Amino acid sequence: MGLTIDHKVVEILKAKTLTPRFDPSMKTLMRIVKFMTENPSEGKTQLALDTKLNYARLAQHIVWMEKKGLVESTIDDNKINVSLTKSGR
């Protein structure tokens, strides 16, 4: 899934660090996985809308999921690519 570049989102994803108090809800994580499974080619805006998250919060969830081995993210040219891993499916 390619996401358009957003500076704050890029910084969160590059650093792959979370705020000490970050605690994702299972409901939100399930919405992200469901959306990514059903709409693999949609962008960041639609993902944020469908999961009811702003971009920065979405990036934190992606980093959390990446640390758990559920997704992989890369930044290529002007796109953030996020995909579910085998464990995330």
PDB file of N, CA and C in Angstrom:
ATOM      1  N   MET A   1       0.850  -1.155   0.000  1.00  0.00           N
ATOM      2  CA  MET A   1       0.000   0.000   0.000  1.00  0.00           C
ATOM      3  C   MET A   1       0.900   1.223   0.000  1.00  0.00           C
ATOM      4  N   GLY A   2       0.800   2.110  -0.974  1.00  0.00           N
ATOM      5  CA  GLY A   2       1.619   3.307  -1.046  1.00  0.00           C
ATOM      6  C   GLY A   2       0.934   4.474  -0.370  1.00  0.00           C
ATOM      7  N   LEU A   3       1.636   5.152   0.494  1.00  0.00           N
ATOM      8  CA  LEU A   3       1.090   6.308   1.183  1.00  0.00           C
ATOM      9  C   LEU A   3       1.863   7.546   0.766  1.00  0.00           C
ATOM     10  N   THR A   4       1.168   8.664   0.541  1.00  0.00           N
ATOM     11  CA  THR A   4       1.820   9.904   0.178  1.00  0.00           C
ATOM     12  C   THR A   4       2.653  10.408   1.350  1.00  0.00           C
ATOM     13  N   ILE A   5       3.794  11.033   1.048  1.00  0.00           N
ATOM     14  CA  ILE A   5       4.717  11.511   2.082  1.00  0.00           C
ATOM     15  C   ILE A   5       4.099  12.633   2.917  1.00  0.00           C
ATOM     16  N   ASP A   6       4.283  12.575   4.210  1.00  0.00           N
ATOM     17  CA  ASP A   6       3.903  13.599   5.170  1.00  0.00           C
ATOM     18  C   ASP A   6       5.074  13.659   6.147  1.00  0.00           C
ATOM     19  N   HIS A   7       5.651  14.836   6.348  1.00  0.00           N
ATOM     20  CA  HIS A   7       6.889  14.983   7.124  1.00  0.00           C
ATOM     21  C   HIS A   7       6.827  14.318   8.499  1.00  0.00           C
ATOM     22  N   LYS A   8       5.791  14.607   9.275  1.00  0.00           N
ATOM     23  CA  LYS A   8       5.690  14.050  10.624  1.00  0.00           C
ATOM     24  C   LYS A   8       5.577  12.525  10.569  1.00  0.00           C
ATOM     25  N   VAL A   9       4.800  12.037   9.622  1.00  0.00           N
ATOM     26  CA  VAL A   9       4.633  10.594   9.458  1.00  0.00           C
ATOM     27  C   VAL A   9       5.961   9.952   9.094  1.00  0.00           C
ATOM     28  N   VAL A  10       6.699  10.584   8.178  1.00  0.00           N
ATOM     29  CA  VAL A  10       8.003  10.060   7.757  1.00  0.00           C
ATOM     30  C   VAL A  10       8.943   9.972   8.947  1.00  0.00           C
ATOM     31  N   GLU A  11       8.982  11.008   9.771  1.00  0.00           N
ATOM     32  CA  GLU A  11       9.867  11.007  10.937  1.00  0.00           C
ATOM     33  C   GLU A  11       9.518   9.881  11.909  1.00  0.00           C
ATOM     34  N   ILE A  12       8.230   9.679  12.137  1.00  0.00           N
ATOM     35  CA  ILE A  12       7.804   8.607  13.042  1.00  0.00           C
ATOM     36  C   ILE A  12       8.218   7.251  12.479  1.00  0.00           C
ATOM     37  N   LEU A  13       7.978   7.060  11.186  1.00  0.00           N
ATOM     38  CA  LEU A  13       8.303   5.772  10.570  1.00  0.00           C
ATOM     39  C   LEU A  13       9.804   5.539  10.461  1.00  0.00           C
ATOM     40  N   LYS A  14      10.576   6.598  10.181  1.00  0.00           N
ATOM     41  CA  LYS A  14      12.036   6.445  10.083  1.00  0.00           C
ATOM     42  C   LYS A  14      12.643   6.117  11.442  1.00  0.00           C
ATOM     43  N   ALA A  15      12.216   6.842  12.464  1.00  0.00           N
ATOM     44  CA  ALA A  15      12.775   6.651  13.801  1.00  0.00           C
ATOM     45  C   ALA A  15      12.334   5.319  14.412  1.00  0.00           C
ATOM     46  N   LYS A  16      11.168   4.871  14.012  1.00  0.00           N
ATOM     47  CA  LYS A  16      10.594   3.624  14.535  1.00  0.00           C
ATOM     48  C   LYS A  16      10.599   3.595  16.067  1.00  0.00           C
ATOM     49  N   THR A  17      10.300   4.770  16.633  1.00  0.00           N
ATOM     50  CA  THR A  17      10.184   4.858  18.085  1.00  0.00           C
ATOM     51  C   THR A  17       8.784   5.338  18.435  1.00  0.00           C
ATOM     52  N   LEU A  18       8.323   4.922  19.583  1.00  0.00           N
ATOM     53  CA  LEU A  18       6.995   5.295  20.037  1.00  0.00           C
ATOM     54  C   LEU A  18       7.099   6.120  21.304  1.00  0.00           C
ATOM     55  N   THR A  19       6.094   6.941  21.547  1.00  0.00           N
ATOM     56  CA  THR A  19       6.057   7.683  22.796  1.00  0.00           C
ATOM     57  C   THR A  19       5.878   6.671  23.925  1.00  0.00           C
ATOM     58  N   PRO A  20       6.460   6.939  25.081  1.00  0.00           N
ATOM     59  CA  PRO A  20       6.406   5.964  26.185  1.00  0.00           C
ATOM     60  C   PRO A  20       4.989   5.538  26.566  1.00  0.00           C
ATOM     61  N   ARG A  21       4.042   6.429  26.413  1.00  0.00           N
ATOM     62  CA  ARG A  21       2.673   6.110  26.826  1.00  0.00           C
ATOM     63  C   ARG A  21       1.814   5.577  25.686  1.00  0.00           C
ATOM     64  N   PHE A  22       2.399   5.311  24.530  1.00  0.00           N
ATOM     65  CA  PHE A  22       1.596   4.832  23.405  1.00  0.00           C
ATOM     66  C   PHE A  22       1.041   3.445  23.708  1.00  0.00           C
ATOM     67  N   ASP A  23      -0.270   3.329  23.624  1.00  0.00           N
ATOM     68  CA  ASP A  23      -0.944   2.060  23.900  1.00  0.00           C
ATOM     69  C   ASP A  23      -2.068   1.887  22.882  1.00  0.00           C
ATOM     70  N   PRO A  24      -1.814   1.158  21.799  1.00  0.00           N
ATOM     71  CA  PRO A  24      -2.843   1.014  20.771  1.00  0.00           C
ATOM     72  C   PRO A  24      -3.999   0.143  21.262  1.00  0.00           C
ATOM     73  N   SER A  25      -5.179   0.465  20.768  1.00  0.00           N
ATOM     74  CA  SER A  25      -6.324  -0.372  21.134  1.00  0.00           C
ATOM     75  C   SER A  25      -6.447  -1.511  20.126  1.00  0.00           C
ATOM     76  N   MET A  26      -6.917  -2.634  20.584  1.00  0.00           N
ATOM     77  CA  MET A  26      -7.100  -3.793  19.719  1.00  0.00           C
ATOM     78  C   MET A  26      -8.097  -3.463  18.612  1.00  0.00           C
ATOM     79  N   LYS A  27      -9.110  -2.669  18.952  1.00  0.00           N
ATOM     80  CA  LYS A  27     -10.129  -2.283  17.976  1.00  0.00           C
ATOM     81  C   LYS A  27      -9.490  -1.520  16.808  1.00  0.00           C
ATOM     82  N   THR A  28      -8.606  -0.586  17.121  1.00  0.00           N
ATOM     83  CA  THR A  28      -7.927   0.205  16.097  1.00  0.00           C
ATOM     84  C   THR A  28      -7.004  -0.668  15.263  1.00  0.00           C
ATOM     85  N   LEU A  29      -6.257  -1.546  15.908  1.00  0.00           N
ATOM     86  CA  LEU A  29      -5.362  -2.443  15.178  1.00  0.00           C
ATOM     87  C   LEU A  29      -6.148  -3.338  14.225  1.00  0.00           C
ATOM     88  N   MET A  30      -7.290  -3.815  14.671  1.00  0.00           N
ATOM     89  CA  MET A  30      -8.119  -4.670  13.820  1.00  0.00           C
ATOM     90  C   MET A  30      -8.666  -3.890  12.626  1.00  0.00           C
ATOM     91  N   ARG A  31      -9.027  -2.612  12.843  1.00  0.00           N
ATOM     92  CA  ARG A  31      -9.505  -1.787  11.722  1.00  0.00           C
ATOM     93  C   ARG A  31      -8.404  -1.607  10.690  1.00  0.00           C
ATOM     94  N   ILE A  32      -7.169  -1.385  11.140  1.00  0.00           N
ATOM     95  CA  ILE A  32      -6.043  -1.207  10.216  1.00  0.00           C
ATOM     96  C   ILE A  32      -5.808  -2.483   9.417  1.00  0.00           C
ATOM     97  N   VAL A  33      -5.742  -3.616  10.097  1.00  0.00           N
ATOM     98  CA  VAL A  33      -5.503  -4.894   9.410  1.00  0.00           C
ATOM     99  C   VAL A  33      -6.639  -5.196   8.440  1.00  0.00           C
ATOM    100  N   LYS A  34      -7.869  -4.988   8.866  1.00  0.00           N
ATOM    101  CA  LYS A  34      -9.032  -5.246   8.002  1.00  0.00           C
ATOM    102  C   LYS A  34      -8.959  -4.382   6.751  1.00  0.00           C
ATOM    103  N   PHE A  35      -8.682  -3.094   6.935  1.00  0.00           N
ATOM    104  CA  PHE A  35      -8.605  -2.194   5.790  1.00  0.00           C
ATOM    105  C   PHE A  35      -7.480  -2.605   4.847  1.00  0.00           C
ATOM    106  N   MET A  36      -6.309  -2.900   5.405  1.00  0.00           N
ATOM    107  CA  MET A  36      -5.166  -3.255   4.562  1.00  0.00           C
ATOM    108  C   MET A  36      -5.401  -4.572   3.825  1.00  0.00           C
ATOM    109  N   THR A  37      -6.139  -5.478   4.425  1.00  0.00           N
ATOM    110  CA  THR A  37      -6.457  -6.748   3.781  1.00  0.00           C
ATOM    111  C   THR A  37      -7.447  -6.544   2.642  1.00  0.00           C
ATOM    112  N   GLU A  38      -8.456  -5.719   2.874  1.00  0.00           N
ATOM    113  CA  GLU A  38      -9.516  -5.511   1.886  1.00  0.00           C
ATOM    114  C   GLU A  38      -9.158  -4.491   0.813  1.00  0.00           C
ATOM    115  N   ASN A  39      -8.248  -3.558   1.107  1.00  0.00           N
ATOM    116  CA  ASN A  39      -7.918  -2.463   0.187  1.00  0.00           C
ATOM    117  C   ASN A  39      -6.411  -2.272   0.085  1.00  0.00           C
ATOM    118  N   PRO A  40      -5.685  -3.240  -0.434  1.00  0.00           N
ATOM    119  CA  PRO A  40      -4.219  -3.155  -0.426  1.00  0.00           C
ATOM    120  C   PRO A  40      -3.627  -1.995  -1.226  1.00  0.00           C
ATOM    121  N   SER A  41      -4.376  -1.413  -2.153  1.00  0.00           N
ATOM    122  CA  SER A  41      -3.792  -0.349  -2.976  1.00  0.00           C
ATOM    123  C   SER A  41      -4.256   1.051  -2.592  1.00  0.00           C
ATOM    124  N   GLU A  42      -5.049   1.189  -1.545  1.00  0.00           N
ATOM    125  CA  GLU A  42      -5.514   2.508  -1.124  1.00  0.00           C
ATOM    126  C   GLU A  42      -4.395   3.276  -0.436  1.00  0.00           C
ATOM    127  N   GLY A  43      -4.528   4.587  -0.420  1.00  0.00           N
ATOM    128  CA  GLY A  43      -3.496   5.441   0.155  1.00  0.00           C
ATOM    129  C   GLY A  43      -3.730   5.784   1.609  1.00  0.00           C
ATOM    130  N   LYS A  44      -2.804   6.579   2.116  1.00  0.00           N
ATOM    131  CA  LYS A  44      -2.788   6.983   3.519  1.00  0.00           C
ATOM    132  C   LYS A  44      -4.062   7.709   3.931  1.00  0.00           C
ATOM    133  N   THR A  45      -4.568   8.577   3.075  1.00  0.00           N
ATOM    134  CA  THR A  45      -5.756   9.348   3.431  1.00  0.00           C
ATOM    135  C   THR A  45      -6.943   8.431   3.671  1.00  0.00           C
ATOM    136  N   GLN A  46      -7.176   7.512   2.762  1.00  0.00           N
ATOM    137  CA  GLN A  46      -8.306   6.599   2.916  1.00  0.00           C
ATOM    138  C   GLN A  46      -8.109   5.685   4.118  1.00  0.00           C
ATOM    139  N   LEU A  47      -6.884   5.228   4.330  1.00  0.00           N
ATOM    140  CA  LEU A  47      -6.588   4.388   5.496  1.00  0.00           C
ATOM    141  C   LEU A  47      -6.867   5.161   6.784  1.00  0.00           C
ATOM    142  N   ALA A  48      -6.423   6.409   6.839  1.00  0.00           N
ATOM    143  CA  ALA A  48      -6.655   7.239   8.027  1.00  0.00           C
ATOM    144  C   ALA A  48      -8.151   7.476   8.247  1.00  0.00           C
ATOM    145  N   LEU A  49      -8.881   7.761   7.169  1.00  0.00           N
ATOM    146  CA  LEU A  49     -10.325   7.991   7.287  1.00  0.00           C
ATOM    147  C   LEU A  49     -11.051   6.740   7.758  1.00  0.00           C
ATOM    148  N   ASP A  50     -10.759   5.623   7.126  1.00  0.00           N
ATOM    149  CA  ASP A  50     -11.462   4.385   7.457  1.00  0.00           C
ATOM    150  C   ASP A  50     -11.123   3.856   8.844  1.00  0.00           C
ATOM    151  N   THR A  51      -9.947   4.171   9.331  1.00  0.00           N
ATOM    152  CA  THR A  51      -9.561   3.723  10.671  1.00  0.00           C
ATOM    153  C   THR A  51      -9.797   4.803  11.723  1.00  0.00           C
ATOM    154  N   LYS A  52     -10.277   5.965  11.274  1.00  0.00           N
ATOM    155  CA  LYS A  52     -10.594   7.095  12.161  1.00  0.00           C
ATOM    156  C   LYS A  52      -9.374   7.582  12.946  1.00  0.00           C
ATOM    157  N   LEU A  53      -8.223   7.651  12.251  1.00  0.00           N
ATOM    158  CA  LEU A  53      -6.979   8.110  12.867  1.00  0.00           C
ATOM    159  C   LEU A  53      -6.390   9.262  12.071  1.00  0.00           C
ATOM    160  N   ASN A  54      -5.706  10.196  12.753  1.00  0.00           N
ATOM    161  CA  ASN A  54      -4.954  11.197  12.000  1.00  0.00           C
ATOM    162  C   ASN A  54      -3.644  10.548  11.553  1.00  0.00           C
ATOM    163  N   TYR A  55      -2.925  11.209  10.655  1.00  0.00           N
ATOM    164  CA  TYR A  55      -1.721  10.609  10.067  1.00  0.00           C
ATOM    165  C   TYR A  55      -0.668  10.234  11.109  1.00  0.00           C
ATOM    166  N   ALA A  56      -0.437  11.114  12.070  1.00  0.00           N
ATOM    167  CA  ALA A  56       0.592  10.842  13.081  1.00  0.00           C
ATOM    168  C   ALA A  56       0.206   9.638  13.938  1.00  0.00           C
ATOM    169  N   ARG A  57      -1.035   9.568  14.330  1.00  0.00           N
ATOM    170  CA  ARG A  57      -1.510   8.427  15.143  1.00  0.00           C
ATOM    171  C   ARG A  57      -1.449   7.135  14.321  1.00  0.00           C
ATOM    172  N   LEU A  58      -1.813   7.237  13.045  1.00  0.00           N
ATOM    173  CA  LEU A  58      -1.721   6.084  12.147  1.00  0.00           C
ATOM    174  C   LEU A  58      -0.274   5.600  12.060  1.00  0.00           C
ATOM    175  N   ALA A  59       0.663   6.530  11.922  1.00  0.00           N
ATOM    176  CA  ALA A  59       2.082   6.167  11.830  1.00  0.00           C
ATOM    177  C   ALA A  59       2.541   5.461  13.106  1.00  0.00           C
ATOM    178  N   GLN A  60       2.079   5.921  14.262  1.00  0.00           N
ATOM    179  CA  GLN A  60       2.450   5.270  15.520  1.00  0.00           C
ATOM    180  C   GLN A  60       1.934   3.834  15.557  1.00  0.00           C
ATOM    181  N   HIS A  61       0.710   3.644  15.084  1.00  0.00           N
ATOM    182  CA  HIS A  61       0.160   2.289  15.041  1.00  0.00           C
ATOM    183  C   HIS A  61       0.962   1.413  14.080  1.00  0.00           C
ATOM    184  N   ILE A  62       1.361   1.974  12.951  1.00  0.00           N
ATOM    185  CA  ILE A  62       2.148   1.209  11.982  1.00  0.00           C
ATOM    186  C   ILE A  62       3.493   0.813  12.588  1.00  0.00           C
ATOM    187  N   VAL A  63       4.145   1.745  13.287  1.00  0.00           N
ATOM    188  CA  VAL A  63       5.424   1.432  13.939  1.00  0.00           C
ATOM    189  C   VAL A  63       5.215   0.344  14.995  1.00  0.00           C
ATOM    190  N   TRP A  64       4.165   0.459  15.789  1.00  0.00           N
ATOM    191  CA  TRP A  64       3.881  -0.556  16.804  1.00  0.00           C
ATOM    192  C   TRP A  64       3.694  -1.919  16.144  1.00  0.00           C
ATOM    193  N   MET A  65       2.908  -1.943  15.062  1.00  0.00           N
ATOM    194  CA  MET A  65       2.658  -3.194  14.341  1.00  0.00           C
ATOM    195  C   MET A  65       3.945  -3.739  13.722  1.00  0.00           C
ATOM    196  N   GLU A  66       4.800  -2.830  13.265  1.00  0.00           N
ATOM    197  CA  GLU A  66       6.078  -3.252  12.683  1.00  0.00           C
ATOM    198  C   GLU A  66       6.970  -3.894  13.749  1.00  0.00           C
ATOM    199  N   LYS A  67       6.988  -3.308  14.936  1.00  0.00           N
ATOM    200  CA  LYS A  67       7.791  -3.864  16.032  1.00  0.00           C
ATOM    201  C   LYS A  67       7.295  -5.255  16.437  1.00  0.00           C
ATOM    202  N   LYS A  68       6.017  -5.512  16.221  1.00  0.00           N
ATOM    203  CA  LYS A  68       5.437  -6.821  16.541  1.00  0.00           C
ATOM    204  C   LYS A  68       5.534  -7.794  15.363  1.00  0.00           C
ATOM    205  N   GLY A  69       6.079  -7.327  14.225  1.00  0.00           N
ATOM    206  CA  GLY A  69       6.237  -8.195  13.062  1.00  0.00           C
ATOM    207  C   GLY A  69       4.981  -8.367  12.226  1.00  0.00           C
ATOM    208  N   LEU A  70       4.011  -7.458  12.388  1.00  0.00           N
ATOM    209  CA  LEU A  70       2.746  -7.573  11.667  1.00  0.00           C
ATOM    210  C   LEU A  70       2.741  -6.853  10.327  1.00  0.00           C
ATOM    211  N   VAL A  71       3.538  -5.787  10.207  1.00  0.00           N
ATOM    212  CA  VAL A  71       3.641  -5.035   8.953  1.00  0.00           C
ATOM    213  C   VAL A  71       5.098  -4.678   8.693  1.00  0.00           C
ATOM    214  N   GLU A  72       5.365  -4.305   7.461  1.00  0.00           N
ATOM    215  CA  GLU A  72       6.672  -3.764   7.080  1.00  0.00           C
ATOM    216  C   GLU A  72       6.414  -2.431   6.408  1.00  0.00           C
ATOM    217  N   SER A  73       7.262  -1.444   6.693  1.00  0.00           N
ATOM    218  CA  SER A  73       7.126  -0.149   6.024  1.00  0.00           C
ATOM    219  C   SER A  73       8.462   0.247   5.416  1.00  0.00           C
ATOM    220  N   THR A  74       8.384   0.858   4.247  1.00  0.00           N
ATOM    221  CA  THR A  74       9.560   1.399   3.574  1.00  0.00           C
ATOM    222  C   THR A  74       9.181   2.747   2.997  1.00  0.00           C
ATOM    223  N   ILE A  75      10.185   3.582   2.793  1.00  0.00           N
ATOM    224  CA  ILE A  75       9.956   4.886   2.177  1.00  0.00           C
ATOM    225  C   ILE A  75      10.750   4.906   0.886  1.00  0.00           C
ATOM    226  N   ASP A  76      10.040   4.953  -0.243  1.00  0.00           N
ATOM    227  CA  ASP A  76      10.646   4.967  -1.569  1.00  0.00           C
ATOM    228  C   ASP A  76      10.174   6.201  -2.320  1.00  0.00           C
ATOM    229  N   ASP A  77      11.126   7.007  -2.772  1.00  0.00           N
ATOM    230  CA  ASP A  77      10.802   8.242  -3.489  1.00  0.00           C
ATOM    231  C   ASP A  77       9.801   9.050  -2.684  1.00  0.00           C
ATOM    232  N   ASN A  78       8.607   9.244  -3.211  1.00  0.00           N
ATOM    233  CA  ASN A  78       7.606  10.054  -2.518  1.00  0.00           C
ATOM    234  C   ASN A  78       6.488   9.226  -1.917  1.00  0.00           C
ATOM    235  N   LYS A  79       6.742   7.965  -1.614  1.00  0.00           N
ATOM    236  CA  LYS A  79       5.687   7.128  -1.060  1.00  0.00           C
ATOM    237  C   LYS A  79       6.166   6.327   0.134  1.00  0.00           C
ATOM    238  N   ILE A  80       5.278   6.197   1.084  1.00  0.00           N
ATOM    239  CA  ILE A  80       5.494   5.314   2.219  1.00  0.00           C
ATOM    240  C   ILE A  80       4.752   4.035   1.871  1.00  0.00           C
ATOM    241  N   ASN A  81       5.462   2.939   1.829  1.00  0.00           N
ATOM    242  CA  ASN A  81       4.846   1.660   1.502  1.00  0.00           C
ATOM    243  C   ASN A  81       4.700   0.832   2.764  1.00  0.00           C
ATOM    244  N   VAL A  82       3.488   0.396   3.009  1.00  0.00           N
ATOM    245  CA  VAL A  82       3.201  -0.425   4.177  1.00  0.00           C
ATOM    246  C   VAL A  82       2.502  -1.682   3.690  1.00  0.00           C
ATOM    247  N   SER A  83       2.983  -2.820   4.150  1.00  0.00           N
ATOM    248  CA  SER A  83       2.335  -4.074   3.763  1.00  0.00           C
ATOM    249  C   SER A  83       2.274  -5.008   4.960  1.00  0.00           C
ATOM    250  N   LEU A  84       1.237  -5.825   4.959  1.00  0.00           N
ATOM    251  CA  LEU A  84       1.102  -6.824   6.009  1.00  0.00           C
ATOM    252  C   LEU A  84       2.127  -7.922   5.795  1.00  0.00           C
ATOM    253  N   THR A  85       2.717  -8.384   6.864  1.00  0.00           N
ATOM    254  CA  THR A  85       3.624  -9.530   6.781  1.00  0.00           C
ATOM    255  C   THR A  85       2.770 -10.796   6.849  1.00  0.00           C
ATOM    256  N   LYS A  86       3.407 -11.925   6.715  1.00  0.00           N
ATOM    257  CA  LYS A  86       2.696 -13.198   6.837  1.00  0.00           C
ATOM    258  C   LYS A  86       2.020 -13.287   8.210  1.00  0.00           C
ATOM    259  N   SER A  87       2.714 -12.842   9.241  1.00  0.00           N
ATOM    260  CA  SER A  87       2.149 -12.861  10.601  1.00  0.00           C
ATOM    261  C   SER A  87       0.978 -11.903  10.751  1.00  0.00           C
ATOM    262  N   GLY A  88       0.993 -10.810   9.988  1.00  0.00           N
ATOM    263  CA  GLY A  88      -0.062  -9.809  10.069  1.00  0.00           C
ATOM    264  C   GLY A  88      -1.335 -10.193   9.351  1.00  0.00           C
ATOM    265  N   ARG A  89      -1.223 -11.163   8.464  1.00  0.00           N
ATOM    266  CA  ARG A  89      -2.417 -11.600   7.727  1.00  0.00           C
ATOM    267  C   ARG A  89      -3.175 -12.570   8.576  1.00  0.00           C
TER     268      ARG A  89
END
